[in-house]
């Protein structure tokens, strides 16, 4: 069995193009029904703000691997200088069930999250008018997930970006942002500034309750990564709603669940991610407000973990355990 930790992943590096391609391949397998993904259970005890989630899946195709991610999210950890998220992924050979790897780091989860965003952004950006005009991006919440989104956006779309607005309740120090993309970053004074100035807007917060109450502008792409930021009534201003998996996301007090409970949003009203690679959906982007809500799918975690396992074997990185 291979043991891989955060340092090993950083040795391998983050090739965003390859990882987004891994996400796209997994999405094709979802469409082909060559995956198995049970609804993930949430374990809660004592403080109900905390949760530990079990995320099992089998991914077919060339991945041909089963596995499970066991991820803990304790939001108050950050008040004590401890990371909010901790996770372990176990991979099993798809043919024999033999455990082949343990990956001990939440970095895989963060990379997967940003790469799924990258996959959707690719679909959006390639359909924008090719007139040379650059656009602004907004990111609110600048913890590990927000920082990975900044890295991904710069790596994949920097040639299209005018400015990246960043806001966090905790002050963002511009001097701590990597110098290679610091020139694109503007630290916003409020979430509203980042929101209203950006064509592409990404929530990466740990908010427990929605607060965004300003209708999104037409022609914008709202990437609701953190899922508990938008007031339910804003559903009235969304022209195309994309989710990764309806059954997963319409629960746990997400914005989608509240839009369902308060305004009757139904599965038939949304497009699941494996059906989103369709030119007709994206027509008329300048007059359409699009929202993407990803609950987080184990299929993508296992696919990305298998990518890193393969890289570790090829490069001889990680520890071999008996």
C-alpha atoms as a PDB file:
ATOM      1  CA  UNK A   1       0.000   0.000   0.000  1.00  0.00           C
ATOM      2  CA  UNK A   2       1.156   3.522  -0.804  1.00  0.00           C
ATOM      3  CA  UNK A   3       1.014   6.222   1.868  1.00  0.00           C
ATOM      4  CA  UNK A   4       0.745   9.775   0.511  1.00  0.00           C
ATOM      5  CA  UNK A   5       0.544  12.977   2.546  1.00  0.00           C
ATOM      6  CA  UNK A   6       0.412  16.711   1.819  1.00  0.00           C
ATOM      7  CA  UNK A   7       4.164  17.036   1.294  1.00  0.00           C
ATOM      8  CA  UNK A   8       4.082  14.203  -1.229  1.00  0.00           C
ATOM      9  CA  UNK A   9       1.240  15.898  -3.131  1.00  0.00           C
ATOM     10  CA  UNK A  10       3.170  19.158  -3.225  1.00  0.00           C
ATOM     11  CA  UNK A  11       6.217  17.276  -4.548  1.00  0.00           C
ATOM     12  CA  UNK A  12       4.062  15.935  -7.364  1.00  0.00           C
ATOM     13  CA  UNK A  13       2.601  19.390  -7.920  1.00  0.00           C
ATOM     14  CA  UNK A  14      -0.758  20.703  -9.122  1.00  0.00           C
ATOM     15  CA  UNK A  15      -1.163  20.606 -12.901  1.00  0.00           C
ATOM     16  CA  UNK A  16      -4.560  22.249 -13.163  1.00  0.00           C
ATOM     17  CA  UNK A  17      -5.095  21.391 -16.827  1.00  0.00           C
ATOM     18  CA  UNK A  18      -4.518  17.686 -16.173  1.00  0.00           C
ATOM     19  CA  UNK A  19      -6.644  17.631 -13.031  1.00  0.00           C
ATOM     20  CA  UNK A  20      -9.539  19.456 -14.702  1.00  0.00           C
ATOM     21  CA  UNK A  21      -9.268  16.915 -17.517  1.00  0.00           C
ATOM     22  CA  UNK A  22      -9.513  14.172 -14.859  1.00  0.00           C
ATOM     23  CA  UNK A  23     -12.720  15.819 -13.616  1.00  0.00           C
ATOM     24  CA  UNK A  24     -14.091  15.978 -17.160  1.00  0.00           C
ATOM     25  CA  UNK A  25     -13.351  12.287 -17.716  1.00  0.00           C
ATOM     26  CA  UNK A  26     -15.122  11.412 -14.465  1.00  0.00           C
ATOM     27  CA  UNK A  27     -18.113  13.511 -15.554  1.00  0.00           C
ATOM     28  CA  UNK A  28     -18.305  11.461 -18.755  1.00  0.00           C
ATOM     29  CA  UNK A  29     -18.322   8.288 -16.640  1.00  0.00           C
ATOM     30  CA  UNK A  30     -21.217   9.704 -14.598  1.00  0.00           C
ATOM     31  CA  UNK A  31     -23.138  10.285 -17.833  1.00  0.00           C
ATOM     32  CA  UNK A  32     -22.337   6.713 -18.916  1.00  0.00           C
ATOM     33  CA  UNK A  33     -23.466   5.417 -15.497  1.00  0.00           C
ATOM     34  CA  UNK A  34     -20.068   3.768 -15.069  1.00  0.00           C
ATOM     35  CA  UNK A  35     -19.876   4.870 -11.448  1.00  0.00           C
ATOM     36  CA  UNK A  36     -21.410   3.927  -8.105  1.00  0.00           C
ATOM     37  CA  UNK A  37     -21.934   6.678  -5.549  1.00  0.00           C
ATOM     38  CA  UNK A  38     -24.166   6.111  -2.491  1.00  0.00           C
ATOM     39  CA  UNK A  39     -25.643   9.141  -0.743  1.00  0.00           C
ATOM     40  CA  UNK A  40     -23.033  10.264   1.757  1.00  0.00           C
ATOM     41  CA  UNK A  41     -23.934  10.127   5.472  1.00  0.00           C
ATOM     42  CA  UNK A  42     -23.168  12.997   7.834  1.00  0.00           C
ATOM     43  CA  UNK A  43     -21.972  12.122  11.322  1.00  0.00           C
ATOM     44  CA  UNK A  44     -22.762  14.770  13.936  1.00  0.00           C
ATOM     45  CA  UNK A  45     -22.319  14.721  17.684  1.00  0.00           C
ATOM     46  CA  UNK A  46     -22.060  17.281  20.511  1.00  0.00           C
ATOM     47  CA  UNK A  47     -21.619  20.567  18.605  1.00  0.00           C
ATOM     48  CA  UNK A  48     -23.884  20.250  15.555  1.00  0.00           C
ATOM     49  CA  UNK A  49     -21.848  22.819  13.631  1.00  0.00           C
ATOM     50  CA  UNK A  50     -19.252  20.086  13.219  1.00  0.00           C
ATOM     51  CA  UNK A  51     -19.573  17.158  10.854  1.00  0.00           C
ATOM     52  CA  UNK A  52     -17.672  14.150   9.601  1.00  0.00           C
ATOM     53  CA  UNK A  53     -18.751  12.876   6.194  1.00  0.00           C
ATOM     54  CA  UNK A  54     -18.195   9.456   4.629  1.00  0.00           C
ATOM     55  CA  UNK A  55     -17.927   9.641   0.826  1.00  0.00           C
ATOM     56  CA  UNK A  56     -17.646   6.223  -0.862  1.00  0.00           C
ATOM     57  CA  UNK A  57     -17.590   5.716  -4.634  1.00  0.00           C
ATOM     58  CA  UNK A  58     -16.515   3.463  -7.457  1.00  0.00           C
ATOM     59  CA  UNK A  59     -15.232   5.075 -10.662  1.00  0.00           C
ATOM     60  CA  UNK A  60     -15.068   2.931 -13.787  1.00  0.00           C
ATOM     61  CA  UNK A  61     -13.377   3.532 -17.124  1.00  0.00           C
ATOM     62  CA  UNK A  62      -9.617   3.834 -17.002  1.00  0.00           C
ATOM     63  CA  UNK A  63      -9.792   4.876 -13.340  1.00  0.00           C
ATOM     64  CA  UNK A  64     -11.274   1.493 -12.331  1.00  0.00           C
ATOM     65  CA  UNK A  65     -10.889   2.271  -8.636  1.00  0.00           C
ATOM     66  CA  UNK A  66     -13.117   2.266  -5.574  1.00  0.00           C
ATOM     67  CA  UNK A  67     -12.499   4.251  -2.440  1.00  0.00           C
ATOM     68  CA  UNK A  68     -13.805   6.367   0.372  1.00  0.00           C
ATOM     69  CA  UNK A  69     -13.075   9.838   1.668  1.00  0.00           C
ATOM     70  CA  UNK A  70     -13.584  10.389   5.400  1.00  0.00           C
ATOM     71  CA  UNK A  71     -13.582  14.149   5.912  1.00  0.00           C
ATOM     72  CA  UNK A  72     -14.096  16.128   9.108  1.00  0.00           C
ATOM     73  CA  UNK A  73     -15.139  19.776   9.056  1.00  0.00           C
ATOM     74  CA  UNK A  74     -14.938  21.622  12.389  1.00  0.00           C
ATOM     75  CA  UNK A  75     -15.390  25.347  11.613  1.00  0.00           C
ATOM     76  CA  UNK A  76     -14.333  26.581  15.066  1.00  0.00           C
ATOM     77  CA  UNK A  77     -10.904  24.986  14.667  1.00  0.00           C
ATOM     78  CA  UNK A  78      -9.680  28.110  12.906  1.00  0.00           C
ATOM     79  CA  UNK A  79     -10.187  30.116  16.115  1.00  0.00           C
ATOM     80  CA  UNK A  80      -7.515  27.907  17.701  1.00  0.00           C
ATOM     81  CA  UNK A  81      -5.101  27.931  14.803  1.00  0.00           C
ATOM     82  CA  UNK A  82      -6.153  24.446  13.638  1.00  0.00           C
ATOM     83  CA  UNK A  83      -7.276  23.748  10.054  1.00  0.00           C
ATOM     84  CA  UNK A  84     -11.037  23.446   9.654  1.00  0.00           C
ATOM     85  CA  UNK A  85     -10.898  20.331   7.472  1.00  0.00           C
ATOM     86  CA  UNK A  86      -9.097  17.020   7.953  1.00  0.00           C
ATOM     87  CA  UNK A  87      -9.514  14.054   5.653  1.00  0.00           C
ATOM     88  CA  UNK A  88      -8.203  10.650   4.671  1.00  0.00           C
ATOM     89  CA  UNK A  89      -8.865   8.830   1.393  1.00  0.00           C
ATOM     90  CA  UNK A  90      -8.480   5.068   1.023  1.00  0.00           C
ATOM     91  CA  UNK A  91      -8.269   3.659  -2.500  1.00  0.00           C
ATOM     92  CA  UNK A  92      -9.074   0.069  -3.410  1.00  0.00           C
ATOM     93  CA  UNK A  93      -8.216  -1.742  -6.611  1.00  0.00           C
ATOM     94  CA  UNK A  94     -11.427  -1.967  -8.607  1.00  0.00           C
ATOM     95  CA  UNK A  95     -10.922  -5.601  -9.662  1.00  0.00           C
ATOM     96  CA  UNK A  96      -9.736  -7.180  -6.402  1.00  0.00           C
ATOM     97  CA  UNK A  97     -10.752  -4.754  -3.639  1.00  0.00           C
ATOM     98  CA  UNK A  98      -7.176  -4.739  -2.362  1.00  0.00           C
ATOM     99  CA  UNK A  99      -6.327  -1.409  -0.652  1.00  0.00           C
ATOM    100  CA  UNK A 100      -3.677   0.305  -2.765  1.00  0.00           C
ATOM    101  CA  UNK A 101      -3.284   3.721  -1.119  1.00  0.00           C
ATOM    102  CA  UNK A 102      -3.990   5.891   1.890  1.00  0.00           C
ATOM    103  CA  UNK A 103      -3.888   9.620   1.189  1.00  0.00           C
ATOM    104  CA  UNK A 104      -3.732  11.589   4.405  1.00  0.00           C
ATOM    105  CA  UNK A 105      -4.444  15.234   3.636  1.00  0.00           C
ATOM    106  CA  UNK A 106      -7.449  17.501   2.975  1.00  0.00           C
ATOM    107  CA  UNK A 107      -5.498  19.014   0.069  1.00  0.00           C
ATOM    108  CA  UNK A 108      -7.018  16.432  -2.298  1.00  0.00           C
ATOM    109  CA  UNK A 109     -10.486  17.692  -1.352  1.00  0.00           C
ATOM    110  CA  UNK A 110      -9.490  21.303  -1.968  1.00  0.00           C
ATOM    111  CA  UNK A 111      -7.896  20.495  -5.316  1.00  0.00           C
ATOM    112  CA  UNK A 112     -10.994  18.559  -6.358  1.00  0.00           C
ATOM    113  CA  UNK A 113     -13.251  21.459  -5.364  1.00  0.00           C
ATOM    114  CA  UNK A 114     -11.288  24.030  -7.360  1.00  0.00           C
ATOM    115  CA  UNK A 115     -10.920  21.662 -10.322  1.00  0.00           C
ATOM    116  CA  UNK A 116     -14.694  21.105 -10.537  1.00  0.00           C
ATOM    117  CA  UNK A 117     -15.063  24.894 -10.616  1.00  0.00           C
ATOM    118  CA  UNK A 118     -12.406  24.955 -13.341  1.00  0.00           C
ATOM    119  CA  UNK A 119     -14.345  22.417 -15.365  1.00  0.00           C
ATOM    120  CA  UNK A 120     -17.499  24.545 -15.257  1.00  0.00           C
ATOM    121  CA  UNK A 121     -15.558  27.736 -15.963  1.00  0.00           C
ATOM    122  CA  UNK A 122     -14.088  26.109 -19.065  1.00  0.00           C
ATOM    123  CA  UNK A 123     -17.585  25.445 -20.358  1.00  0.00           C
ATOM    124  CA  UNK A 124     -18.565  29.051 -19.658  1.00  0.00           C
ATOM    125  CA  UNK A 125     -15.448  30.813 -20.900  1.00  0.00           C
ATOM    126  CA  UNK A 126     -15.170  28.963 -24.208  1.00  0.00           C
ATOM    127  CA  UNK A 127     -18.677  30.180 -25.101  1.00  0.00           C
ATOM    128  CA  UNK A 128     -18.100  33.842 -24.296  1.00  0.00           C
ATOM    129  CA  UNK A 129     -17.973  36.225 -27.285  1.00  0.00           C
ATOM    130  CA  UNK A 130     -14.454  36.167 -28.732  1.00  0.00           C
ATOM    131  CA  UNK A 131     -14.082  39.948 -28.806  1.00  0.00           C
ATOM    132  CA  UNK A 132     -10.909  40.219 -26.735  1.00  0.00           C
ATOM    133  CA  UNK A 133     -12.711  41.795 -23.771  1.00  0.00           C
ATOM    134  CA  UNK A 134     -11.360  40.782 -20.372  1.00  0.00           C
ATOM    135  CA  UNK A 135     -13.535  40.225 -17.310  1.00  0.00           C
ATOM    136  CA  UNK A 136     -13.343  40.508 -13.531  1.00  0.00           C
ATOM    137  CA  UNK A 137     -13.501  37.589 -11.109  1.00  0.00           C
ATOM    138  CA  UNK A 138     -14.638  37.825  -7.483  1.00  0.00           C
ATOM    139  CA  UNK A 139     -13.709  35.390  -4.703  1.00  0.00           C
ATOM    140  CA  UNK A 140     -15.152  35.743  -1.205  1.00  0.00           C
ATOM    141  CA  UNK A 141     -13.648  33.629   1.517  1.00  0.00           C
ATOM    142  CA  UNK A 142      -9.881  33.370   1.252  1.00  0.00           C
ATOM    143  CA  UNK A 143      -9.057  30.316   3.306  1.00  0.00           C
ATOM    144  CA  UNK A 144      -7.537  27.203   1.692  1.00  0.00           C
ATOM    145  CA  UNK A 145     -10.406  26.738  -0.776  1.00  0.00           C
ATOM    146  CA  UNK A 146     -10.376  30.372  -1.877  1.00  0.00           C
ATOM    147  CA  UNK A 147      -6.604  30.288  -2.271  1.00  0.00           C
ATOM    148  CA  UNK A 148      -6.754  27.149  -4.423  1.00  0.00           C
ATOM    149  CA  UNK A 149      -9.401  28.793  -6.585  1.00  0.00           C
ATOM    150  CA  UNK A 150      -7.109  31.782  -7.095  1.00  0.00           C
ATOM    151  CA  UNK A 151      -4.271  29.450  -8.135  1.00  0.00           C
ATOM    152  CA  UNK A 152      -6.512  27.557 -10.547  1.00  0.00           C
ATOM    153  CA  UNK A 153      -8.008  30.677 -12.100  1.00  0.00           C
ATOM    154  CA  UNK A 154      -4.606  32.208 -12.716  1.00  0.00           C
ATOM    155  CA  UNK A 155      -3.197  28.991 -14.171  1.00  0.00           C
ATOM    156  CA  UNK A 156      -6.102  28.454 -16.566  1.00  0.00           C
ATOM    157  CA  UNK A 157      -7.625  31.842 -17.338  1.00  0.00           C
ATOM    158  CA  UNK A 158      -5.122  34.619 -16.558  1.00  0.00           C
ATOM    159  CA  UNK A 159      -5.033  35.727 -20.205  1.00  0.00           C
ATOM    160  CA  UNK A 160      -8.761  36.535 -19.988  1.00  0.00           C
ATOM    161  CA  UNK A 161      -8.829  38.308 -16.619  1.00  0.00           C
ATOM    162  CA  UNK A 162      -8.784  42.023 -15.973  1.00  0.00           C
ATOM    163  CA  UNK A 163      -8.927  41.963 -12.162  1.00  0.00           C
ATOM    164  CA  UNK A 164      -9.571  39.489  -9.342  1.00  0.00           C
ATOM    165  CA  UNK A 165     -11.487  40.912  -6.377  1.00  0.00           C
ATOM    166  CA  UNK A 166     -10.899  39.095  -3.079  1.00  0.00           C
ATOM    167  CA  UNK A 167     -12.784  39.588   0.173  1.00  0.00           C
ATOM    168  CA  UNK A 168     -12.609  37.783   3.497  1.00  0.00           C
ATOM    169  CA  UNK A 169     -14.030  38.710   6.911  1.00  0.00           C
ATOM    170  CA  UNK A 170     -10.490  38.320   8.161  1.00  0.00           C
ATOM    171  CA  UNK A 171      -8.232  40.912   6.574  1.00  0.00           C
ATOM    172  CA  UNK A 172      -6.438  39.774   3.414  1.00  0.00           C
ATOM    173  CA  UNK A 173      -2.779  40.818   3.322  1.00  0.00           C
ATOM    174  CA  UNK A 174      -1.915  41.556  -0.306  1.00  0.00           C
ATOM    175  CA  UNK A 175       1.766  41.022   0.484  1.00  0.00           C
ATOM    176  CA  UNK A 176       1.060  37.367   1.311  1.00  0.00           C
ATOM    177  CA  UNK A 177      -0.401  36.683  -2.132  1.00  0.00           C
ATOM    178  CA  UNK A 178       1.979  35.038  -4.612  1.00  0.00           C
ATOM    179  CA  UNK A 179       3.827  37.707  -6.550  1.00  0.00           C
ATOM    180  CA  UNK A 180       3.137  36.035  -9.898  1.00  0.00           C
ATOM    181  CA  UNK A 181      -0.553  36.941  -9.718  1.00  0.00           C
ATOM    182  CA  UNK A 182      -0.530  39.745  -7.139  1.00  0.00           C
ATOM    183  CA  UNK A 183      -0.815  42.331  -9.932  1.00  0.00           C
ATOM    184  CA  UNK A 184      -4.293  40.998 -10.788  1.00  0.00           C
ATOM    185  CA  UNK A 185      -5.611  41.025  -7.214  1.00  0.00           C
ATOM    186  CA  UNK A 186      -7.657  43.786  -5.643  1.00  0.00           C
ATOM    187  CA  UNK A 187      -8.604  43.358  -1.983  1.00  0.00           C
ATOM    188  CA  UNK A 188     -12.261  44.414  -1.762  1.00  0.00           C
ATOM    189  CA  UNK A 189     -13.743  46.338   1.151  1.00  0.00           C
ATOM    190  CA  UNK A 190     -16.887  44.180   1.223  1.00  0.00           C
ATOM    191  CA  UNK A 191     -18.420  41.085  -0.312  1.00  0.00           C
ATOM    192  CA  UNK A 192     -20.797  43.382  -2.172  1.00  0.00           C
ATOM    193  CA  UNK A 193     -17.923  45.136  -3.935  1.00  0.00           C
ATOM    194  CA  UNK A 194     -16.452  41.839  -5.123  1.00  0.00           C
ATOM    195  CA  UNK A 195     -19.928  40.595  -6.096  1.00  0.00           C
ATOM    196  CA  UNK A 196     -21.032  43.644  -8.039  1.00  0.00           C
ATOM    197  CA  UNK A 197     -17.730  44.207  -9.827  1.00  0.00           C
ATOM    198  CA  UNK A 198     -17.333  40.653 -11.150  1.00  0.00           C
ATOM    199  CA  UNK A 199     -18.641  38.731 -14.133  1.00  0.00           C
ATOM    200  CA  UNK A 200     -17.560  35.469 -12.481  1.00  0.00           C
ATOM    201  CA  UNK A 201     -18.220  35.286  -8.743  1.00  0.00           C
ATOM    202  CA  UNK A 202     -17.139  32.439  -6.458  1.00  0.00           C
ATOM    203  CA  UNK A 203     -18.159  31.838  -2.841  1.00  0.00           C
ATOM    204  CA  UNK A 204     -15.546  30.003  -0.753  1.00  0.00           C
ATOM    205  CA  UNK A 205     -16.733  30.902   2.743  1.00  0.00           C
ATOM    206  CA  UNK A 206     -17.700  28.901   5.812  1.00  0.00           C
ATOM    207  CA  UNK A 207     -20.932  30.854   6.227  1.00  0.00           C
ATOM    208  CA  UNK A 208     -23.644  29.082   8.204  1.00  0.00           C
ATOM    209  CA  UNK A 209     -26.434  31.337   6.909  1.00  0.00           C
ATOM    210  CA  UNK A 210     -27.108  33.191   3.640  1.00  0.00           C
ATOM    211  CA  UNK A 211     -26.436  36.918   3.381  1.00  0.00           C
ATOM    212  CA  UNK A 212     -26.172  37.729  -0.337  1.00  0.00           C
ATOM    213  CA  UNK A 213     -29.378  39.658  -0.960  1.00  0.00           C
ATOM    214  CA  UNK A 214     -28.510  41.671  -4.075  1.00  0.00           C
ATOM    215  CA  UNK A 215     -29.892  40.219  -7.330  1.00  0.00           C
ATOM    216  CA  UNK A 216     -27.061  38.998  -9.566  1.00  0.00           C
ATOM    217  CA  UNK A 217     -26.513  40.919 -12.783  1.00  0.00           C
ATOM    218  CA  UNK A 218     -27.465  39.422 -16.123  1.00  0.00           C
ATOM    219  CA  UNK A 219     -24.544  37.846 -17.913  1.00  0.00           C
ATOM    220  CA  UNK A 220     -22.817  36.741 -14.710  1.00  0.00           C
ATOM    221  CA  UNK A 221     -21.760  33.278 -13.593  1.00  0.00           C
ATOM    222  CA  UNK A 222     -22.384  32.610  -9.898  1.00  0.00           C
ATOM    223  CA  UNK A 223     -20.293  29.704  -8.563  1.00  0.00           C
ATOM    224  CA  UNK A 224     -21.835  28.905  -5.187  1.00  0.00           C
ATOM    225  CA  UNK A 225     -19.049  26.655  -3.934  1.00  0.00           C
ATOM    226  CA  UNK A 226     -19.745  27.141  -0.223  1.00  0.00           C
ATOM    227  CA  UNK A 227     -23.510  26.618  -0.702  1.00  0.00           C
ATOM    228  CA  UNK A 228     -24.842  28.730   2.176  1.00  0.00           C
ATOM    229  CA  UNK A 229     -24.362  32.300   0.959  1.00  0.00           C
ATOM    230  CA  UNK A 230     -27.330  33.257  -1.261  1.00  0.00           C
ATOM    231  CA  UNK A 231     -30.759  34.261   0.011  1.00  0.00           C
ATOM    232  CA  UNK A 232     -33.373  31.853  -1.318  1.00  0.00           C
ATOM    233  CA  UNK A 233     -35.401  34.570  -3.065  1.00  0.00           C
ATOM    234  CA  UNK A 234     -32.546  35.145  -5.504  1.00  0.00           C
ATOM    235  CA  UNK A 235     -33.699  32.025  -7.330  1.00  0.00           C
ATOM    236  CA  UNK A 236     -36.086  34.388  -9.140  1.00  0.00           C
ATOM    237  CA  UNK A 237     -33.079  35.964 -10.883  1.00  0.00           C
ATOM    238  CA  UNK A 238     -31.344  32.736 -12.000  1.00  0.00           C
ATOM    239  CA  UNK A 239     -31.906  31.660 -15.597  1.00  0.00           C
ATOM    240  CA  UNK A 240     -29.878  28.448 -15.527  1.00  0.00           C
ATOM    241  CA  UNK A 241     -29.250  26.436 -12.361  1.00  0.00           C
ATOM    242  CA  UNK A 242     -26.586  23.724 -12.526  1.00  0.00           C
ATOM    243  CA  UNK A 243     -25.892  21.302  -9.666  1.00  0.00           C
ATOM    244  CA  UNK A 244     -23.518  18.373  -9.388  1.00  0.00           C
ATOM    245  CA  UNK A 245     -26.136  15.985  -7.939  1.00  0.00           C
ATOM    246  CA  UNK A 246     -29.682  16.970  -6.986  1.00  0.00           C
ATOM    247  CA  UNK A 247     -30.205  14.278  -4.361  1.00  0.00           C
ATOM    248  CA  UNK A 248     -26.988  15.240  -2.586  1.00  0.00           C
ATOM    249  CA  UNK A 249     -27.406  18.978  -2.683  1.00  0.00           C
ATOM    250  CA  UNK A 250     -31.080  19.378  -1.801  1.00  0.00           C
ATOM    251  CA  UNK A 251     -30.426  18.748   1.915  1.00  0.00           C
ATOM    252  CA  UNK A 252     -28.263  19.879   4.826  1.00  0.00           C
ATOM    253  CA  UNK A 253     -29.697  23.416   4.727  1.00  0.00           C
ATOM    254  CA  UNK A 254     -27.968  24.372   1.493  1.00  0.00           C
ATOM    255  CA  UNK A 255     -29.133  27.338  -0.546  1.00  0.00           C
ATOM    256  CA  UNK A 256     -30.597  24.858  -3.034  1.00  0.00           C
ATOM    257  CA  UNK A 257     -32.632  23.148  -0.312  1.00  0.00           C
ATOM    258  CA  UNK A 258     -33.970  26.502   0.866  1.00  0.00           C
ATOM    259  CA  UNK A 259     -34.854  27.466  -2.703  1.00  0.00           C
ATOM    260  CA  UNK A 260     -36.688  24.138  -2.927  1.00  0.00           C
ATOM    261  CA  UNK A 261     -38.539  24.577   0.381  1.00  0.00           C
ATOM    262  CA  UNK A 262     -39.369  28.273   0.046  1.00  0.00           C
ATOM    263  CA  UNK A 263     -39.845  28.687  -3.707  1.00  0.00           C
ATOM    264  CA  UNK A 264     -40.543  25.198  -5.007  1.00  0.00           C
ATOM    265  CA  UNK A 265     -37.312  24.570  -6.919  1.00  0.00           C
ATOM    266  CA  UNK A 266     -37.466  21.001  -8.267  1.00  0.00           C
ATOM    267  CA  UNK A 267     -35.045  18.545  -9.791  1.00  0.00           C
ATOM    268  CA  UNK A 268     -36.704  19.160 -13.149  1.00  0.00           C
ATOM    269  CA  UNK A 269     -35.735  22.851 -12.863  1.00  0.00           C
ATOM    270  CA  UNK A 270     -31.983  22.212 -12.637  1.00  0.00           C
ATOM    271  CA  UNK A 271     -29.323  20.672 -14.842  1.00  0.00           C
ATOM    272  CA  UNK A 272     -27.024  18.107 -13.277  1.00  0.00           C
ATOM    273  CA  UNK A 273     -23.365  18.441 -14.141  1.00  0.00           C
ATOM    274  CA  UNK A 274     -23.176  15.434 -16.470  1.00  0.00           C
ATOM    275  CA  UNK A 275     -25.813  17.088 -18.661  1.00  0.00           C
ATOM    276  CA  UNK A 276     -24.183  20.526 -18.622  1.00  0.00           C
ATOM    277  CA  UNK A 277     -21.782  19.949 -21.531  1.00  0.00           C
ATOM    278  CA  UNK A 278     -24.451  21.055 -23.979  1.00  0.00           C
ATOM    279  CA  UNK A 279     -24.108  24.068 -26.273  1.00  0.00           C
ATOM    280  CA  UNK A 280     -27.819  24.895 -26.189  1.00  0.00           C
ATOM    281  CA  UNK A 281     -27.781  25.448 -22.419  1.00  0.00           C
ATOM    282  CA  UNK A 282     -25.186  28.170 -22.705  1.00  0.00           C
ATOM    283  CA  UNK A 283     -26.703  30.176 -25.540  1.00  0.00           C
ATOM    284  CA  UNK A 284     -27.285  33.874 -24.899  1.00  0.00           C
ATOM    285  CA  UNK A 285     -24.724  34.161 -22.092  1.00  0.00           C
ATOM    286  CA  UNK A 286     -24.825  37.964 -22.017  1.00  0.00           C
ATOM    287  CA  UNK A 287     -28.533  37.879 -21.154  1.00  0.00           C
ATOM    288  CA  UNK A 288     -28.464  34.869 -18.841  1.00  0.00           C
ATOM    289  CA  UNK A 289     -27.548  34.540 -15.158  1.00  0.00           C
ATOM    290  CA  UNK A 290     -26.081  31.117 -14.418  1.00  0.00           C
ATOM    291  CA  UNK A 291     -25.518  29.547 -10.995  1.00  0.00           C
ATOM    292  CA  UNK A 292     -23.515  26.415 -10.247  1.00  0.00           C
ATOM    293  CA  UNK A 293     -23.961  24.638  -6.904  1.00  0.00           C
ATOM    294  CA  UNK A 294     -21.528  21.757  -6.200  1.00  0.00           C
ATOM    295  CA  UNK A 295     -22.224  19.693  -3.071  1.00  0.00           C
ATOM    296  CA  UNK A 296     -19.037  17.731  -3.690  1.00  0.00           C
ATOM    297  CA  UNK A 297     -19.093  14.295  -5.276  1.00  0.00           C
ATOM    298  CA  UNK A 298     -17.076  11.303  -4.091  1.00  0.00           C
ATOM    299  CA  UNK A 299     -16.626  10.251  -7.725  1.00  0.00           C
ATOM    300  CA  UNK A 300     -14.439  13.302  -8.267  1.00  0.00           C
ATOM    301  CA  UNK A 301     -12.445  12.738  -5.068  1.00  0.00           C
ATOM    302  CA  UNK A 302     -11.658   9.158  -6.044  1.00  0.00           C
ATOM    303  CA  UNK A 303     -10.732  10.159  -9.607  1.00  0.00           C
ATOM    304  CA  UNK A 304      -8.374  12.907  -8.412  1.00  0.00           C
ATOM    305  CA  UNK A 305      -6.912  10.638  -5.711  1.00  0.00           C
ATOM    306  CA  UNK A 306      -6.252   7.955  -8.343  1.00  0.00           C
ATOM    307  CA  UNK A 307      -4.529  10.568 -10.524  1.00  0.00           C
ATOM    308  CA  UNK A 308      -2.187  11.398  -7.637  1.00  0.00           C
ATOM    309  CA  UNK A 309      -1.662   7.714  -6.826  1.00  0.00           C
ATOM    310  CA  UNK A 310      -0.612   7.090 -10.432  1.00  0.00           C
ATOM    311  CA  UNK A 311       1.701  10.114 -10.328  1.00  0.00           C
ATOM    312  CA  UNK A 312       3.235   8.893  -7.065  1.00  0.00           C
ATOM    313  CA  UNK A 313       3.972   5.487  -8.596  1.00  0.00           C
ATOM    314  CA  UNK A 314       5.443   7.026 -11.743  1.00  0.00           C
ATOM    315  CA  UNK A 315       7.645   9.493  -9.848  1.00  0.00           C
ATOM    316  CA  UNK A 316       8.539   7.280  -6.897  1.00  0.00           C
ATOM    317  CA  UNK A 317       7.019   9.693  -4.385  1.00  0.00           C
ATOM    318  CA  UNK A 318       5.342   8.557  -1.155  1.00  0.00           C
ATOM    319  CA  UNK A 319       5.952   5.713   1.265  1.00  0.00           C
ATOM    320  CA  UNK A 320       5.472   2.017   0.517  1.00  0.00           C
ATOM    321  CA  UNK A 321       3.801   0.268   3.442  1.00  0.00           C
ATOM    322  CA  UNK A 322       3.673  -3.464   4.048  1.00  0.00           C
END
